[in-house]
Amino acid sequence: VAVGMHLCGALSPRAISLFAAEPALDSLLLAPCCLDKRFDAALKATARQLGRDPFECKVDQLREALEALPRVEVRVARDASFRTNRSAAEGGDGCKNAMIVGQRRAASGPDAPLC
């Protein structure tokens, strides 16, 4: 299991790359943090055009990157006790509280391990 907490900018996509490259990891728990202007400027601009919160667009981007990996199931969980947005009520709707979980499905078929 790999855990990435408060990974800013390019660190969240890098954690996904490391998860993809290391077959010994069966799960990735990713809690992204802020967007970095060096890496996420285009994403922020797109979010503004769509009238969406840039963080939510980042969560979608990371979820899609994990979903693109073979045999990986992905879900996004929310926890009201996360408190990463000081301008919102603690634990409220405006808090950046996404947890993206990627878990490899067991291989199946004739090439699957026996144990």
C-alpha atoms as a PDB file:
ATOM      1  CA  VAL A   1       0.000   0.000   0.000  1.00  0.00           C
ATOM      2  CA  ALA A   2       1.234   3.477  -0.860  1.00  0.00           C
ATOM      3  CA  VAL A   3      -0.159   6.561   0.861  1.00  0.00           C
ATOM      4  CA  GLY A   4       0.208  10.071  -0.509  1.00  0.00           C
ATOM      5  CA  MET A   5      -1.039  12.810   1.813  1.00  0.00           C
ATOM      6  CA  HIS A   6      -1.241  16.475   0.828  1.00  0.00           C
ATOM      7  CA  LEU A   7       0.641  16.010  -2.422  1.00  0.00           C
ATOM      8  CA  CYS A   8       0.834  19.366  -4.198  1.00  0.00           C
ATOM      9  CA  GLY A   9       1.432  20.073  -7.870  1.00  0.00           C
ATOM     10  CA  ALA A  10       3.243  17.304  -9.732  1.00  0.00           C
ATOM     11  CA  LEU A  11       3.537  15.062  -6.670  1.00  0.00           C
ATOM     12  CA  SER A  12       0.074  13.489  -7.012  1.00  0.00           C
ATOM     13  CA  PRO A  13       0.619  12.446 -10.652  1.00  0.00           C
ATOM     14  CA  ARG A  14       4.092  11.221  -9.668  1.00  0.00           C
ATOM     15  CA  ALA A  15       2.586   9.029  -6.943  1.00  0.00           C
ATOM     16  CA  ILE A  16       0.274   7.515  -9.567  1.00  0.00           C
ATOM     17  CA  SER A  17       3.270   6.850 -11.837  1.00  0.00           C
ATOM     18  CA  LEU A  18       5.136   5.140  -9.004  1.00  0.00           C
ATOM     19  CA  PHE A  19       2.069   3.031  -8.191  1.00  0.00           C
ATOM     20  CA  ALA A  20       1.780   2.022 -11.850  1.00  0.00           C
ATOM     21  CA  ALA A  21       5.464   1.076 -12.024  1.00  0.00           C
ATOM     22  CA  GLU A  22       5.598  -0.986  -8.834  1.00  0.00           C
ATOM     23  CA  PRO A  23       3.622  -4.235  -9.117  1.00  0.00           C
ATOM     24  CA  ALA A  24       4.215  -5.040  -5.437  1.00  0.00           C
ATOM     25  CA  LEU A  25       1.841  -2.190  -4.530  1.00  0.00           C
ATOM     26  CA  ASP A  26      -1.755  -3.328  -4.527  1.00  0.00           C
ATOM     27  CA  SER A  27      -3.332  -0.048  -3.386  1.00  0.00           C
ATOM     28  CA  LEU A  28      -2.785   3.698  -3.511  1.00  0.00           C
ATOM     29  CA  LEU A  29      -4.507   6.130  -1.164  1.00  0.00           C
ATOM     30  CA  LEU A  30      -4.063   9.640  -2.478  1.00  0.00           C
ATOM     31  CA  ALA A  31      -5.189  12.806  -0.706  1.00  0.00           C
ATOM     32  CA  PRO A  32      -4.284  15.675  -3.029  1.00  0.00           C
ATOM     33  CA  CYS A  33      -3.710  19.128  -1.663  1.00  0.00           C
ATOM     34  CA  CYS A  34      -3.419  22.432  -3.465  1.00  0.00           C
ATOM     35  CA  LEU A  35      -2.923  23.045  -7.156  1.00  0.00           C
ATOM     36  CA  ASP A  36       0.476  24.387  -8.189  1.00  0.00           C
ATOM     37  CA  LYS A  37       0.502  27.245 -10.715  1.00  0.00           C
ATOM     38  CA  ARG A  38       3.568  25.747 -12.414  1.00  0.00           C
ATOM     39  CA  PHE A  39       1.752  22.492 -13.203  1.00  0.00           C
ATOM     40  CA  ASP A  40      -1.966  23.233 -12.972  1.00  0.00           C
ATOM     41  CA  ALA A  41      -2.460  26.625 -14.664  1.00  0.00           C
ATOM     42  CA  ALA A  42      -4.307  25.133 -17.644  1.00  0.00           C
ATOM     43  CA  LEU A  43      -6.472  23.023 -15.345  1.00  0.00           C
ATOM     44  CA  LYS A  44      -7.394  26.100 -13.291  1.00  0.00           C
ATOM     45  CA  ALA A  45      -8.296  28.039 -16.447  1.00  0.00           C
ATOM     46  CA  THR A  46     -10.470  25.176 -17.699  1.00  0.00           C
ATOM     47  CA  ALA A  47     -12.191  24.921 -14.313  1.00  0.00           C
ATOM     48  CA  ARG A  48     -13.002  28.645 -14.398  1.00  0.00           C
ATOM     49  CA  GLN A  49     -14.441  28.322 -17.918  1.00  0.00           C
ATOM     50  CA  LEU A  50     -16.622  25.421 -16.756  1.00  0.00           C
ATOM     51  CA  GLY A  51     -17.652  27.205 -13.552  1.00  0.00           C
ATOM     52  CA  ARG A  52     -16.167  24.392 -11.462  1.00  0.00           C
ATOM     53  CA  ASP A  53     -13.920  24.351  -8.425  1.00  0.00           C
ATOM     54  CA  PRO A  54     -10.323  23.784  -9.615  1.00  0.00           C
ATOM     55  CA  PHE A  55      -9.708  21.261  -6.822  1.00  0.00           C
ATOM     56  CA  GLU A  56     -12.650  19.151  -8.023  1.00  0.00           C
ATOM     57  CA  CYS A  57     -11.237  19.238 -11.559  1.00  0.00           C
ATOM     58  CA  LYS A  58      -7.892  18.070 -10.145  1.00  0.00           C
ATOM     59  CA  VAL A  59      -9.624  15.205  -8.327  1.00  0.00           C
ATOM     60  CA  ASP A  60     -11.293  14.201 -11.609  1.00  0.00           C
ATOM     61  CA  GLN A  61      -7.950  14.399 -13.442  1.00  0.00           C
ATOM     62  CA  LEU A  62      -6.214  12.173 -10.885  1.00  0.00           C
ATOM     63  CA  ARG A  63      -9.130   9.720 -10.783  1.00  0.00           C
ATOM     64  CA  GLU A  64      -9.026   9.420 -14.577  1.00  0.00           C
ATOM     65  CA  ALA A  65      -5.254   8.831 -14.513  1.00  0.00           C
ATOM     66  CA  LEU A  66      -5.740   5.953 -12.076  1.00  0.00           C
ATOM     67  CA  GLU A  67      -8.671   4.559 -14.059  1.00  0.00           C
ATOM     68  CA  ALA A  68      -6.436   4.439 -17.144  1.00  0.00           C
ATOM     69  CA  LEU A  69      -4.189   1.882 -15.435  1.00  0.00           C
ATOM     70  CA  PRO A  70      -4.906  -1.769 -16.203  1.00  0.00           C
ATOM     71  CA  ARG A  71      -6.857  -3.747 -13.584  1.00  0.00           C
ATOM     72  CA  VAL A  72      -7.191  -0.808 -11.175  1.00  0.00           C
ATOM     73  CA  GLU A  73     -10.510  -0.026  -9.503  1.00  0.00           C
ATOM     74  CA  VAL A  74     -10.870   3.577  -8.393  1.00  0.00           C
ATOM     75  CA  ARG A  75     -13.191   5.300  -5.983  1.00  0.00           C
ATOM     76  CA  VAL A  76     -13.259   8.766  -4.482  1.00  0.00           C
ATOM     77  CA  ALA A  77     -14.194   9.008  -0.826  1.00  0.00           C
ATOM     78  CA  ARG A  78     -14.953  12.136   1.173  1.00  0.00           C
ATOM     79  CA  ASP A  79     -14.424  12.685   4.869  1.00  0.00           C
ATOM     80  CA  ALA A  80     -16.054  15.663   6.531  1.00  0.00           C
ATOM     81  CA  SER A  81     -13.287  15.811   9.152  1.00  0.00           C
ATOM     82  CA  PHE A  82     -10.678  16.838   6.565  1.00  0.00           C
ATOM     83  CA  ARG A  83      -9.868  20.519   7.074  1.00  0.00           C
ATOM     84  CA  THR A  84      -7.708  21.797   4.244  1.00  0.00           C
ATOM     85  CA  ASN A  85      -9.670  24.892   3.215  1.00  0.00           C
ATOM     86  CA  ARG A  86      -9.515  27.600   5.843  1.00  0.00           C
ATOM     87  CA  SER A  87     -12.059  29.807   4.067  1.00  0.00           C
ATOM     88  CA  ALA A  88     -14.831  27.211   4.394  1.00  0.00           C
ATOM     89  CA  ALA A  89     -16.549  25.981   7.499  1.00  0.00           C
ATOM     90  CA  GLU A  90     -14.501  23.173   8.967  1.00  0.00           C
ATOM     91  CA  GLY A  91     -15.678  19.931   7.473  1.00  0.00           C
ATOM     92  CA  GLY A  92     -18.156  21.758   5.233  1.00  0.00           C
ATOM     93  CA  ASP A  93     -18.831  21.434   1.534  1.00  0.00           C
ATOM     94  CA  GLY A  94     -15.985  23.784   0.577  1.00  0.00           C
ATOM     95  CA  CYS A  95     -13.299  21.727   2.259  1.00  0.00           C
ATOM     96  CA  LYS A  96     -10.763  19.998   0.069  1.00  0.00           C
ATOM     97  CA  ASN A  97     -11.481  16.551   1.420  1.00  0.00           C
ATOM     98  CA  ALA A  98     -11.139  14.031  -1.399  1.00  0.00           C
ATOM     99  CA  MET A  99      -9.418  10.696  -0.902  1.00  0.00           C
ATOM    100  CA  ILE A 100      -8.730   8.892  -4.162  1.00  0.00           C
ATOM    101  CA  VAL A 101      -8.291   5.153  -3.714  1.00  0.00           C
ATOM    102  CA  GLY A 102      -6.861   2.943  -6.428  1.00  0.00           C
ATOM    103  CA  GLN A 103      -6.804  -0.807  -5.855  1.00  0.00           C
ATOM    104  CA  ARG A 104      -5.489  -3.428  -8.235  1.00  0.00           C
ATOM    105  CA  ARG A 105      -7.913  -6.194  -9.099  1.00  0.00           C
ATOM    106  CA  ALA A 106      -6.578  -9.698  -8.921  1.00  0.00           C
ATOM    107  CA  ALA A 107      -5.369 -11.099 -12.204  1.00  0.00           C
ATOM    108  CA  SER A 108      -7.567 -13.758 -13.720  1.00  0.00           C
ATOM    109  CA  GLY A 109      -7.193 -16.287 -16.461  1.00  0.00           C
ATOM    110  CA  PRO A 110      -4.533 -18.865 -17.288  1.00  0.00           C
ATOM    111  CA  ASP A 111      -1.608 -16.566 -16.426  1.00  0.00           C
ATOM    112  CA  ALA A 112      -2.915 -15.663 -12.974  1.00  0.00           C
ATOM    113  CA  PRO A 113      -0.799 -16.700  -9.977  1.00  0.00           C
ATOM    114  CA  LEU A 114      -2.041 -19.787  -8.164  1.00  0.00           C
ATOM    115  CA  CYS A 115      -1.745 -18.339  -4.688  1.00  0.00           C
END
